[in-house]
PDB file of N, CA and C in Angstrom:
ATOM      1  N   MET A   1      34.529 -37.689 -16.221  1.00  0.00           N
ATOM      2  CA  MET A   1      34.004 -37.476 -14.886  1.00  0.00           C
ATOM      3  C   MET A   1      34.213 -36.033 -14.424  1.00  0.00           C
ATOM      4  N   ILE A   2      35.393 -35.485 -14.720  1.00  0.00           N
ATOM      5  CA  ILE A   2      35.690 -34.108 -14.324  1.00  0.00           C
ATOM      6  C   ILE A   2      34.784 -33.141 -15.074  1.00  0.00           C
ATOM      7  N   VAL A   3      34.452 -33.471 -16.314  1.00  0.00           N
ATOM      8  CA  VAL A   3      33.577 -32.609 -17.110  1.00  0.00           C
ATOM      9  C   VAL A   3      32.201 -32.532 -16.452  1.00  0.00           C
ATOM     10  N   LEU A   4      31.697 -33.642 -15.953  1.00  0.00           N
ATOM     11  CA  LEU A   4      30.395 -33.633 -15.289  1.00  0.00           C
ATOM     12  C   LEU A   4      30.424 -32.831 -13.999  1.00  0.00           C
ATOM     13  N   LYS A   5      31.520 -32.884 -13.252  1.00  0.00           N
ATOM     14  CA  LYS A   5      31.630 -32.102 -12.018  1.00  0.00           C
ATOM     15  C   LYS A   5      31.653 -30.615 -12.325  1.00  0.00           C
ATOM     16  N   ARG A   6      32.418 -30.229 -13.341  1.00  0.00           N
ATOM     17  CA  ARG A   6      32.482 -28.811 -13.710  1.00  0.00           C
ATOM     18  C   ARG A   6      31.148 -28.333 -14.279  1.00  0.00           C
ATOM     19  N   LEU A   7      30.492 -29.172 -15.031  1.00  0.00           N
ATOM     20  CA  LEU A   7      29.194 -28.811 -15.595  1.00  0.00           C
ATOM     21  C   LEU A   7      28.170 -28.598 -14.491  1.00  0.00           C
ATOM     22  N   SER A   8      28.188 -29.447 -13.476  1.00  0.00           N
ATOM     23  CA  SER A   8      27.224 -29.296 -12.391  1.00  0.00           C
ATOM     24  C   SER A   8      27.492 -28.017 -11.589  1.00  0.00           C
ATOM     25  N   VAL A   9      28.739 -27.625 -11.440  1.00  0.00           N
ATOM     26  CA  VAL A   9      29.065 -26.370 -10.739  1.00  0.00           C
ATOM     27  C   VAL A   9      28.548 -25.184 -11.543  1.00  0.00           C
ATOM     28  N   TRP A  10      28.790 -25.201 -12.854  1.00  0.00           N
ATOM     29  CA  TRP A  10      28.307 -24.095 -13.681  1.00  0.00           C
ATOM     30  C   TRP A  10      26.778 -24.041 -13.723  1.00  0.00           C
ATOM     31  N   LEU A  11      26.142 -25.186 -13.792  1.00  0.00           N
ATOM     32  CA  LEU A  11      24.672 -25.198 -13.770  1.00  0.00           C
ATOM     33  C   LEU A  11      24.134 -24.674 -12.437  1.00  0.00           C
ATOM     34  N   ALA A  12      24.801 -24.998 -11.347  1.00  0.00           N
ATOM     35  CA  ALA A  12      24.381 -24.494 -10.041  1.00  0.00           C
ATOM     36  C   ALA A  12      24.537 -22.976  -9.980  1.00  0.00           C
ATOM     37  N   LEU A  13      25.639 -22.459 -10.498  1.00  0.00           N
ATOM     38  CA  LEU A  13      25.848 -21.004 -10.508  1.00  0.00           C
ATOM     39  C   LEU A  13      24.818 -20.296 -11.387  1.00  0.00           C
ATOM     40  N   VAL A  14      24.526 -20.879 -12.534  1.00  0.00           N
ATOM     41  CA  VAL A  14      23.501 -20.305 -13.411  1.00  0.00           C
ATOM     42  C   VAL A  14      22.140 -20.328 -12.714  1.00  0.00           C
ATOM     43  N   GLY A  15      21.834 -21.396 -12.009  1.00  0.00           N
ATOM     44  CA  GLY A  15      20.561 -21.494 -11.289  1.00  0.00           C
ATOM     45  C   GLY A  15      20.451 -20.462 -10.178  1.00  0.00           C
ATOM     46  N   VAL A  16      21.534 -20.237  -9.442  1.00  0.00           N
ATOM     47  CA  VAL A  16      21.512 -19.220  -8.383  1.00  0.00           C
ATOM     48  C   VAL A  16      21.350 -17.833  -8.987  1.00  0.00           C
ATOM     49  N   GLY A  17      22.060 -17.580 -10.086  1.00  0.00           N
ATOM     50  CA  GLY A  17      21.919 -16.281 -10.756  1.00  0.00           C
ATOM     51  C   GLY A  17      20.508 -16.061 -11.285  1.00  0.00           C
ATOM     52  N   PHE A  18      19.923 -17.096 -11.849  1.00  0.00           N
ATOM     53  CA  PHE A  18      18.552 -16.994 -12.366  1.00  0.00           C
ATOM     54  C   PHE A  18      17.564 -16.731 -11.231  1.00  0.00           C
ATOM     55  N   ALA A  19      17.735 -17.420 -10.107  1.00  0.00           N
ATOM     56  CA  ALA A  19      16.841 -17.214  -8.965  1.00  0.00           C
ATOM     57  C   ALA A  19      16.974 -15.789  -8.427  1.00  0.00           C
ATOM     58  N   ALA A  20      18.207 -15.261  -8.356  1.00  0.00           N
ATOM     59  CA  ALA A  20      18.410 -13.884  -7.897  1.00  0.00           C
ATOM     60  C   ALA A  20      17.761 -12.896  -8.855  1.00  0.00           C
ATOM     61  N   TRP A  21      17.876 -13.150 -10.168  1.00  0.00           N
ATOM     62  CA  TRP A  21      17.272 -12.268 -11.160  1.00  0.00           C
ATOM     63  C   TRP A  21      15.742 -12.262 -11.036  1.00  0.00           C
ATOM     64  N   ILE A  22      15.148 -13.418 -10.837  1.00  0.00           N
ATOM     65  CA  ILE A  22      13.693 -13.524 -10.682  1.00  0.00           C
ATOM     66  C   ILE A  22      13.235 -12.801  -9.412  1.00  0.00           C
ATOM     67  N   LEU A  23      13.951 -12.981  -8.316  1.00  0.00           N
ATOM     68  CA  LEU A  23      13.567 -12.334  -7.058  1.00  0.00           C
ATOM     69  C   LEU A  23      13.693 -10.816  -7.134  1.00  0.00           C
ATOM     70  N   MET A  24      14.694 -10.323  -7.812  1.00  0.00           N
ATOM     71  CA  MET A  24      14.842  -8.874  -7.956  1.00  0.00           C
ATOM     72  C   MET A  24      13.713  -8.300  -8.808  1.00  0.00           C
ATOM     73  N   GLY A  25      13.290  -9.026  -9.818  1.00  0.00           N
ATOM     74  CA  GLY A  25      12.184  -8.563 -10.656  1.00  0.00           C
ATOM     75  C   GLY A  25      10.854  -8.602  -9.923  1.00  0.00           C
ATOM     76  N   ALA A  26      10.686  -9.564  -9.027  1.00  0.00           N
ATOM     77  CA  ALA A  26       9.430  -9.679  -8.290  1.00  0.00           C
ATOM     78  C   ALA A  26       9.336  -8.634  -7.187  1.00  0.00           C
ATOM     79  N   ASN A  27      10.464  -8.057  -6.789  1.00  0.00           N
ATOM     80  CA  ASN A  27      10.488  -7.076  -5.705  1.00  0.00           C
ATOM     81  C   ASN A  27      10.102  -5.682  -6.168  1.00  0.00           C
ATOM     82  N   GLN A  28      10.045  -5.429  -7.456  1.00  0.00           N
ATOM     83  CA  GLN A  28       9.732  -4.100  -7.968  1.00  0.00           C
ATOM     84  C   GLN A  28       8.248  -3.813  -7.811  1.00  0.00           C
ATOM     85  N   LYS A  29       7.947  -2.549  -7.441  1.00  0.00           N
ATOM     86  CA  LYS A  29       6.555  -2.133  -7.270  1.00  0.00           C
ATOM     87  C   LYS A  29       6.065  -1.443  -8.533  1.00  0.00           C
ATOM     88  N   ASP A  30       4.788  -1.672  -8.852  1.00  0.00           N
ATOM     89  CA  ASP A  30       4.177  -1.000  -9.992  1.00  0.00           C
ATOM     90  C   ASP A  30       3.888   0.448  -9.614  1.00  0.00           C
ATOM     91  N   PRO A  31       4.019   1.393 -10.551  1.00  0.00           N
ATOM     92  CA  PRO A  31       3.719   2.790 -10.234  1.00  0.00           C
ATOM     93  C   PRO A  31       2.224   2.979  -9.986  1.00  0.00           C
ATOM     94  N   MET A  32       1.896   3.959  -9.148  1.00  0.00           N
ATOM     95  CA  MET A  32       0.495   4.252  -8.842  1.00  0.00           C
ATOM     96  C   MET A  32      -0.183   4.833 -10.079  1.00  0.00           C
ATOM     97  N   PRO A  33      -1.393   4.378 -10.409  1.00  0.00           N
ATOM     98  CA  PRO A  33      -2.094   4.935 -11.575  1.00  0.00           C
ATOM     99  C   PRO A  33      -2.591   6.352 -11.272  1.00  0.00           C
ATOM    100  N   GLN A  34      -2.722   7.155 -12.305  1.00  0.00           N
ATOM    101  CA  GLN A  34      -3.238   8.513 -12.155  1.00  0.00           C
ATOM    102  C   GLN A  34      -4.738   8.456 -11.870  1.00  0.00           C
ATOM    103  N   PRO A  35      -5.260   9.362 -11.011  1.00  0.00           N
ATOM    104  CA  PRO A  35      -6.708   9.359 -10.739  1.00  0.00           C
ATOM    105  C   PRO A  35      -7.493   9.740 -11.987  1.00  0.00           C
ATOM    106  N   ILE A  36      -8.697   9.209 -12.078  1.00  0.00           N
ATOM    107  CA  ILE A  36      -9.546   9.494 -13.235  1.00  0.00           C
ATOM    108  C   ILE A  36      -9.984  10.950 -13.235  1.00  0.00           C
ATOM    109  N   SER A  37     -10.329  11.460 -12.059  1.00  0.00           N
ATOM    110  CA  SER A  37     -10.707  12.870 -11.931  1.00  0.00           C
ATOM    111  C   SER A  37     -10.078  13.428 -10.661  1.00  0.00           C
ATOM    112  N   GLU A  38     -10.032  14.742 -10.565  1.00  0.00           N
ATOM    113  CA  GLU A  38      -9.461  15.392  -9.387  1.00  0.00           C
ATOM    114  C   GLU A  38     -10.336  15.110  -8.165  1.00  0.00           C
ATOM    115  N   PRO A  39      -9.730  14.893  -7.004  1.00  0.00           N
ATOM    116  CA  PRO A  39     -10.533  14.691  -5.801  1.00  0.00           C
ATOM    117  C   PRO A  39     -11.244  15.994  -5.418  1.00  0.00           C
ATOM    118  N   PRO A  40     -12.396  15.886  -4.765  1.00  0.00           N
ATOM    119  CA  PRO A  40     -13.127  17.097  -4.394  1.00  0.00           C
ATOM    120  C   PRO A  40     -12.346  17.929  -3.378  1.00  0.00           C
ATOM    121  N   ARG A  41     -12.498  19.235  -3.468  1.00  0.00           N
ATOM    122  CA  ARG A  41     -11.828  20.149  -2.551  1.00  0.00           C
ATOM    123  C   ARG A  41     -12.867  20.798  -1.644  1.00  0.00           C
ATOM    124  N   SER A  42     -12.484  21.058  -0.415  1.00  0.00           N
ATOM    125  CA  SER A  42     -13.387  21.672   0.556  1.00  0.00           C
ATOM    126  C   SER A  42     -13.599  23.139   0.198  1.00  0.00           C
ATOM    127  N   PRO A  43     -14.845  23.619   0.221  1.00  0.00           N
ATOM    128  CA  PRO A  43     -15.085  25.039  -0.078  1.00  0.00           C
ATOM    129  C   PRO A  43     -14.756  25.948   1.117  1.00  0.00           C
ATOM    130  N   TYR A  44     -14.435  25.381   2.246  1.00  0.00           N
ATOM    131  CA  TYR A  44     -14.185  26.162   3.456  1.00  0.00           C
ATOM    132  C   TYR A  44     -12.696  26.429   3.629  1.00  0.00           C
ATOM    133  N   GLN A  45     -12.383  27.566   4.279  1.00  0.00           N
ATOM    134  CA  GLN A  45     -10.984  27.910   4.513  1.00  0.00           C
ATOM    135  C   GLN A  45     -10.387  27.052   5.618  1.00  0.00           C
ATOM    136  N   GLN A  46     -11.151  26.808   6.671  1.00  0.00           N
ATOM    137  CA  GLN A  46     -10.680  26.000   7.788  1.00  0.00           C
ATOM    138  C   GLN A  46     -11.620  24.811   7.968  1.00  0.00           C
ATOM    139  N   THR A  47     -11.042  23.664   8.232  1.00  0.00           N
ATOM    140  CA  THR A  47     -11.852  22.468   8.435  1.00  0.00           C
ATOM    141  C   THR A  47     -11.364  21.721   9.658  1.00  0.00           C
ATOM    142  N   VAL A  48     -12.222  20.853  10.147  1.00  0.00           N
ATOM    143  CA  VAL A  48     -11.870  19.972  11.251  1.00  0.00           C
ATOM    144  C   VAL A  48     -12.183  18.551  10.793  1.00  0.00           C
ATOM    145  N   ALA A  49     -11.231  17.674  10.961  1.00  0.00           N
ATOM    146  CA  ALA A  49     -11.444  16.283  10.587  1.00  0.00           C
ATOM    147  C   ALA A  49     -11.138  15.409  11.787  1.00  0.00           C
ATOM    148  N   ALA A  50     -11.973  14.417  12.022  1.00  0.00           N
ATOM    149  CA  ALA A  50     -11.749  13.505  13.136  1.00  0.00           C
ATOM    150  C   ALA A  50     -12.379  12.164  12.808  1.00  0.00           C
ATOM    151  N   SER A  51     -11.892  11.147  13.465  1.00  0.00           N
ATOM    152  CA  SER A  51     -12.497   9.837  13.336  1.00  0.00           C
ATOM    153  C   SER A  51     -12.455   9.163  14.691  1.00  0.00           C
ATOM    154  N   GLY A  52     -13.428   8.338  14.956  1.00  0.00           N
ATOM    155  CA  GLY A  52     -13.461   7.645  16.229  1.00  0.00           C
ATOM    156  C   GLY A  52     -14.875   7.327  16.650  1.00  0.00           C
ATOM    157  N   ILE A  53     -15.033   6.977  17.903  1.00  0.00           N
ATOM    158  CA  ILE A  53     -16.329   6.612  18.461  1.00  0.00           C
ATOM    159  C   ILE A  53     -16.634   7.551  19.616  1.00  0.00           C
ATOM    160  N   ILE A  54     -17.863   8.065  19.642  1.00  0.00           N
ATOM    161  CA  ILE A  54     -18.303   8.914  20.747  1.00  0.00           C
ATOM    162  C   ILE A  54     -19.175   8.063  21.652  1.00  0.00           C
ATOM    163  N   GLU A  55     -18.803   7.977  22.920  1.00  0.00           N
ATOM    164  CA  GLU A  55     -19.573   7.210  23.886  1.00  0.00           C
ATOM    165  C   GLU A  55     -19.964   8.111  25.044  1.00  0.00           C
ATOM    166  N   ALA A  56     -21.225   8.049  25.445  1.00  0.00           N
ATOM    167  CA  ALA A  56     -21.711   8.851  26.563  1.00  0.00           C
ATOM    168  C   ALA A  56     -21.352   8.164  27.878  1.00  0.00           C
ATOM    169  N   VAL A  57     -21.002   8.983  28.879  1.00  0.00           N
ATOM    170  CA  VAL A  57     -20.665   8.433  30.183  1.00  0.00           C
ATOM    171  C   VAL A  57     -21.943   8.134  30.970  1.00  0.00           C
ATOM    172  N   ASN A  58     -22.855   9.107  31.032  1.00  0.00           N
ATOM    173  CA  ASN A  58     -24.066   8.959  31.851  1.00  0.00           C
ATOM    174  C   ASN A  58     -25.325   8.722  31.020  1.00  0.00           C
ATOM    175  N   GLU A  59     -25.503   9.486  29.973  1.00  0.00           N
ATOM    176  CA  GLU A  59     -26.736   9.388  29.192  1.00  0.00           C
ATOM    177  C   GLU A  59     -26.423   9.629  27.724  1.00  0.00           C
ATOM    178  N   ASN A  60     -27.331   9.229  26.858  1.00  0.00           N
ATOM    179  CA  ASN A  60     -27.156   9.445  25.435  1.00  0.00           C
ATOM    180  C   ASN A  60     -27.365  10.920  25.103  1.00  0.00           C
ATOM    181  N   VAL A  61     -26.537  11.462  24.296  1.00  0.00           N
ATOM    182  CA  VAL A  61     -26.612  12.861  23.889  1.00  0.00           C
ATOM    183  C   VAL A  61     -26.713  12.890  22.384  1.00  0.00           C
ATOM    184  N   ARG A  62     -27.610  13.725  21.849  1.00  0.00           N
ATOM    185  CA  ARG A  62     -27.788  13.834  20.420  1.00  0.00           C
ATOM    186  C   ARG A  62     -26.771  14.838  19.883  1.00  0.00           C
ATOM    187  N   ILE A  63     -26.030  14.420  18.869  1.00  0.00           N
ATOM    188  CA  ILE A  63     -25.055  15.290  18.245  1.00  0.00           C
ATOM    189  C   ILE A  63     -25.421  15.429  16.780  1.00  0.00           C
ATOM    190  N   ALA A  64     -25.564  16.712  16.337  1.00  0.00           N
ATOM    191  CA  ALA A  64     -25.939  16.968  14.963  1.00  0.00           C
ATOM    192  C   ALA A  64     -25.475  18.370  14.583  1.00  0.00           C
ATOM    193  N   PRO A  65     -25.311  18.624  13.318  1.00  0.00           N
ATOM    194  CA  PRO A  65     -24.950  19.984  12.907  1.00  0.00           C
ATOM    195  C   PRO A  65     -26.122  20.927  13.156  1.00  0.00           C
ATOM    196  N   PRO A  66     -25.876  22.210  13.334  1.00  0.00           N
ATOM    197  CA  PRO A  66     -26.965  23.156  13.565  1.00  0.00           C
ATOM    198  C   PRO A  66     -27.880  23.227  12.353  1.00  0.00           C
ATOM    199  N   SER A  67     -29.175  23.354  12.605  1.00  0.00           N
ATOM    200  CA  SER A  67     -30.144  23.476  11.524  1.00  0.00           C
ATOM    201  C   SER A  67     -30.963  24.755  11.727  1.00  0.00           C
ATOM    202  N   PRO A  68     -31.345  25.383  10.651  1.00  0.00           N
ATOM    203  CA  PRO A  68     -32.152  26.630  10.792  1.00  0.00           C
ATOM    204  C   PRO A  68     -33.550  26.301  11.335  1.00  0.00           C
ATOM    205  N   ASP A  69     -33.989  27.105  12.286  1.00  0.00           N
ATOM    206  CA  ASP A  69     -35.339  26.904  12.875  1.00  0.00           C
ATOM    207  C   ASP A  69     -36.388  27.728  12.226  1.00  0.00           C
TER     208      ASP A  69
END
């Protein structure tokens, strides 16, 4: 009877250790892959970047880059 009690304690400890080992392995992150090609670079010395929504207060306004006339 005592052998079964000791065996169950050791099996429980082994199970807790195994669960901790599995959780530690699942927590590791994979390294980021290298890009296939270099990202494009801006040919300009200074740039402006923005994101968002433009909403007119009174009337619609056309916004566009300058074009040669």
